[in-house]
Amino acid sequence: MAVTACQGLGFVVSLLGVGGIIAATCMDQWSTQDLYNNPVTAVFNYQGLWRSCVRESSGFTECRAYFTMLGLPAY
């Protein structure tokens, strides 16, 4: 009985891990740059694996997809 419970718990934890990997891969905020304190620009830049986004202080958000992997920065 204890072995079955341990295997069930391991299966549930592994499903949570796979879900976390999928969520982290889909998120756009892998690299962020906050410029809200700068009164001239007041923008929030963030980049993910698939696109780059800019959010302005007015609430407008613009996202652009990466068209090629060769032009991405090294980090």
N, C-alpha and C. Protein backbone atom coordinates (compact mmCIF):
# COMPACT_ATOMS: atom_id res chain seq x y z
N MET A 1 0.82 -1.20 0.00
CA MET A 1 0.00 0.00 0.00
C MET A 1 0.87 1.26 0.00
N ALA A 2 1.94 1.26 0.79
CA ALA A 2 2.82 2.43 0.86
C ALA A 2 3.56 2.65 -0.45
N VAL A 3 3.90 1.55 -1.12
CA VAL A 3 4.61 1.65 -2.40
C VAL A 3 3.70 2.28 -3.44
N THR A 4 2.43 1.90 -3.47
CA THR A 4 1.48 2.46 -4.43
C THR A 4 1.26 3.95 -4.18
N ALA A 5 1.16 4.34 -2.91
CA ALA A 5 0.99 5.76 -2.58
C ALA A 5 2.21 6.57 -2.99
N CYS A 6 3.39 6.00 -2.78
CA CYS A 6 4.63 6.69 -3.16
C CYS A 6 4.73 6.84 -4.68
N GLN A 7 4.34 5.82 -5.40
CA GLN A 7 4.35 5.89 -6.87
C GLN A 7 3.32 6.90 -7.37
N GLY A 8 2.16 6.93 -6.76
CA GLY A 8 1.13 7.91 -7.15
C GLY A 8 1.58 9.34 -6.89
N LEU A 9 2.21 9.55 -5.73
CA LEU A 9 2.73 10.88 -5.41
C LEU A 9 3.83 11.29 -6.39
N GLY A 10 4.71 10.36 -6.74
CA GLY A 10 5.75 10.65 -7.71
C GLY A 10 5.19 10.99 -9.08
N PHE A 11 4.13 10.32 -9.48
CA PHE A 11 3.49 10.60 -10.77
C PHE A 11 2.87 12.00 -10.77
N VAL A 12 2.21 12.37 -9.68
CA VAL A 12 1.59 13.70 -9.59
C VAL A 12 2.66 14.79 -9.61
N VAL A 13 3.74 14.58 -8.89
CA VAL A 13 4.83 15.57 -8.87
C VAL A 13 5.48 15.68 -10.24
N SER A 14 5.63 14.58 -10.94
CA SER A 14 6.21 14.64 -12.29
C SER A 14 5.28 15.37 -13.25
N LEU A 15 3.97 15.19 -13.12
CA LEU A 15 3.03 15.94 -13.96
C LEU A 15 3.10 17.44 -13.68
N LEU A 16 3.26 17.81 -12.41
CA LEU A 16 3.42 19.22 -12.07
C LEU A 16 4.72 19.78 -12.66
N GLY A 17 5.77 18.98 -12.67
CA GLY A 17 7.03 19.41 -13.27
C GLY A 17 6.93 19.62 -14.76
N VAL A 18 6.25 18.72 -15.45
CA VAL A 18 6.06 18.87 -16.91
C VAL A 18 5.21 20.10 -17.20
N GLY A 19 4.18 20.33 -16.39
CA GLY A 19 3.36 21.53 -16.55
C GLY A 19 4.17 22.80 -16.33
N GLY A 20 5.08 22.79 -15.35
CA GLY A 20 5.93 23.94 -15.10
C GLY A 20 6.89 24.20 -16.25
N ILE A 21 7.42 23.14 -16.84
CA ILE A 21 8.32 23.30 -17.99
C ILE A 21 7.57 23.90 -19.18
N ILE A 22 6.37 23.44 -19.43
CA ILE A 22 5.58 23.98 -20.54
C ILE A 22 5.24 25.45 -20.28
N ALA A 23 4.85 25.78 -19.05
CA ALA A 23 4.51 27.17 -18.72
C ALA A 23 5.73 28.08 -18.86
N ALA A 24 6.89 27.64 -18.37
CA ALA A 24 8.10 28.47 -18.45
C ALA A 24 8.55 28.67 -19.90
N THR A 25 8.37 27.67 -20.75
CA THR A 25 8.75 27.80 -22.15
C THR A 25 7.85 28.78 -22.88
N CYS A 26 6.59 28.85 -22.52
CA CYS A 26 5.64 29.73 -23.20
C CYS A 26 5.68 31.17 -22.71
N MET A 27 6.23 31.42 -21.52
CA MET A 27 6.24 32.77 -20.96
C MET A 27 7.15 33.70 -21.74
N ASP A 28 6.78 34.98 -21.77
CA ASP A 28 7.55 35.98 -22.50
C ASP A 28 8.54 36.73 -21.64
N GLN A 29 8.56 36.53 -20.35
CA GLN A 29 9.38 37.36 -19.48
C GLN A 29 10.65 36.64 -19.04
N TRP A 30 11.43 36.16 -20.00
CA TRP A 30 12.73 35.55 -19.71
C TRP A 30 13.76 36.62 -19.43
N SER A 31 13.68 37.73 -20.11
CA SER A 31 14.60 38.85 -19.93
C SER A 31 13.76 40.12 -19.84
N THR A 32 13.90 40.87 -18.75
CA THR A 32 13.10 42.08 -18.56
C THR A 32 14.00 43.29 -18.35
N GLN A 33 13.47 44.45 -18.72
CA GLN A 33 14.16 45.71 -18.50
C GLN A 33 13.09 46.73 -18.11
N ASP A 34 13.16 47.23 -16.89
CA ASP A 34 12.16 48.16 -16.37
C ASP A 34 12.69 49.58 -16.45
N LEU A 35 12.02 50.41 -17.22
CA LEU A 35 12.40 51.81 -17.34
C LEU A 35 11.26 52.73 -16.88
N TYR A 36 10.41 52.26 -15.97
CA TYR A 36 9.29 53.08 -15.48
C TYR A 36 9.77 54.28 -14.68
N ASN A 37 10.91 54.19 -14.01
CA ASN A 37 11.41 55.30 -13.21
C ASN A 37 12.00 56.41 -14.06
N ASN A 38 12.28 56.13 -15.31
CA ASN A 38 12.81 57.14 -16.22
C ASN A 38 11.64 57.93 -16.79
N PRO A 39 11.53 59.22 -16.49
CA PRO A 39 10.36 59.98 -16.97
C PRO A 39 10.35 60.23 -18.46
N VAL A 40 11.48 60.05 -19.14
CA VAL A 40 11.53 60.31 -20.58
C VAL A 40 10.92 59.15 -21.36
N THR A 41 11.28 57.92 -21.03
CA THR A 41 10.81 56.77 -21.81
C THR A 41 9.61 56.08 -21.17
N ALA A 42 9.67 55.71 -19.90
CA ALA A 42 8.60 55.06 -19.15
C ALA A 42 8.06 53.84 -19.89
N VAL A 43 8.93 52.89 -20.18
CA VAL A 43 8.53 51.67 -20.86
C VAL A 43 9.05 50.47 -20.08
N PHE A 44 8.45 49.32 -20.34
CA PHE A 44 8.85 48.05 -19.73
C PHE A 44 9.09 47.07 -20.87
N ASN A 45 10.35 46.69 -21.07
CA ASN A 45 10.72 45.76 -22.15
C ASN A 45 10.85 44.36 -21.57
N TYR A 46 10.31 43.38 -22.27
CA TYR A 46 10.52 41.99 -21.88
C TYR A 46 10.58 41.12 -23.11
N GLN A 47 11.41 40.06 -23.00
CA GLN A 47 11.65 39.16 -24.13
C GLN A 47 11.50 37.73 -23.67
N GLY A 48 11.02 36.91 -24.56
CA GLY A 48 10.91 35.49 -24.32
C GLY A 48 11.64 34.71 -25.39
N LEU A 49 11.35 33.44 -25.47
CA LEU A 49 11.98 32.61 -26.49
C LEU A 49 11.38 32.84 -27.87
N TRP A 50 10.15 33.32 -27.93
CA TRP A 50 9.44 33.37 -29.20
C TRP A 50 9.15 34.78 -29.68
N ARG A 51 9.15 35.79 -28.77
CA ARG A 51 8.85 37.16 -29.18
C ARG A 51 9.39 38.18 -28.18
N SER A 52 9.40 39.43 -28.61
CA SER A 52 9.87 40.55 -27.80
C SER A 52 8.72 41.53 -27.64
N CYS A 53 8.50 42.02 -26.42
CA CYS A 53 7.37 42.91 -26.16
C CYS A 53 7.82 44.19 -25.47
N VAL A 54 7.05 45.26 -25.69
CA VAL A 54 7.28 46.56 -25.07
C VAL A 54 5.95 47.03 -24.51
N ARG A 55 5.93 47.37 -23.22
CA ARG A 55 4.73 47.90 -22.58
C ARG A 55 5.01 49.33 -22.16
N GLU A 56 4.18 50.27 -22.60
CA GLU A 56 4.36 51.67 -22.26
C GLU A 56 3.58 52.01 -20.99
N SER A 57 3.87 53.17 -20.44
CA SER A 57 3.19 53.58 -19.21
C SER A 57 1.70 53.82 -19.43
N SER A 58 1.29 54.05 -20.66
CA SER A 58 -0.13 54.25 -20.96
C SER A 58 -0.91 52.94 -20.95
N GLY A 59 -0.21 51.80 -20.93
CA GLY A 59 -0.87 50.50 -20.93
C GLY A 59 -0.83 49.80 -22.26
N PHE A 60 -0.36 50.47 -23.29
CA PHE A 60 -0.27 49.88 -24.63
C PHE A 60 0.88 48.89 -24.68
N THR A 61 0.63 47.69 -25.19
CA THR A 61 1.65 46.65 -25.31
C THR A 61 1.79 46.25 -26.77
N GLU A 62 3.03 46.20 -27.24
CA GLU A 62 3.32 45.77 -28.60
C GLU A 62 4.30 44.61 -28.56
N CYS A 63 3.95 43.51 -29.20
CA CYS A 63 4.81 42.33 -29.25
C CYS A 63 5.15 42.01 -30.69
N ARG A 64 6.40 41.65 -30.90
CA ARG A 64 6.86 41.26 -32.23
C ARG A 64 7.53 39.90 -32.15
N ALA A 65 7.16 39.01 -33.04
CA ALA A 65 7.73 37.66 -33.06
C ALA A 65 9.12 37.71 -33.68
N TYR A 66 9.97 36.80 -33.24
CA TYR A 66 11.28 36.65 -33.86
C TYR A 66 11.10 35.88 -35.15
N PHE A 67 11.63 36.43 -36.24
CA PHE A 67 11.49 35.78 -37.53
C PHE A 67 12.65 34.83 -37.83
N THR A 68 13.77 35.02 -37.14
CA THR A 68 14.93 34.16 -37.34
C THR A 68 15.66 33.99 -36.02
N MET A 69 16.26 32.85 -35.82
CA MET A 69 17.04 32.62 -34.62
C MET A 69 18.46 33.15 -34.75
N LEU A 70 18.91 33.48 -35.94
CA LEU A 70 20.27 33.93 -36.17
C LEU A 70 20.51 35.35 -35.71
N GLY A 71 19.47 36.17 -35.65
CA GLY A 71 19.63 37.57 -35.29
C GLY A 71 19.43 37.87 -33.82
N LEU A 72 19.28 36.86 -32.97
CA LEU A 72 19.04 37.09 -31.56
C LEU A 72 20.34 37.43 -30.84
N PRO A 73 20.24 38.21 -29.73
CA PRO A 73 21.45 38.51 -28.97
C PRO A 73 21.99 37.25 -28.30
N ALA A 74 23.26 37.30 -27.88
CA ALA A 74 23.94 36.11 -27.36
C ALA A 74 23.44 35.67 -26.01
N TYR A 75 22.92 36.57 -25.19
CA TYR A 75 22.49 36.16 -23.86
C TYR A 75 21.24 35.36 -23.94
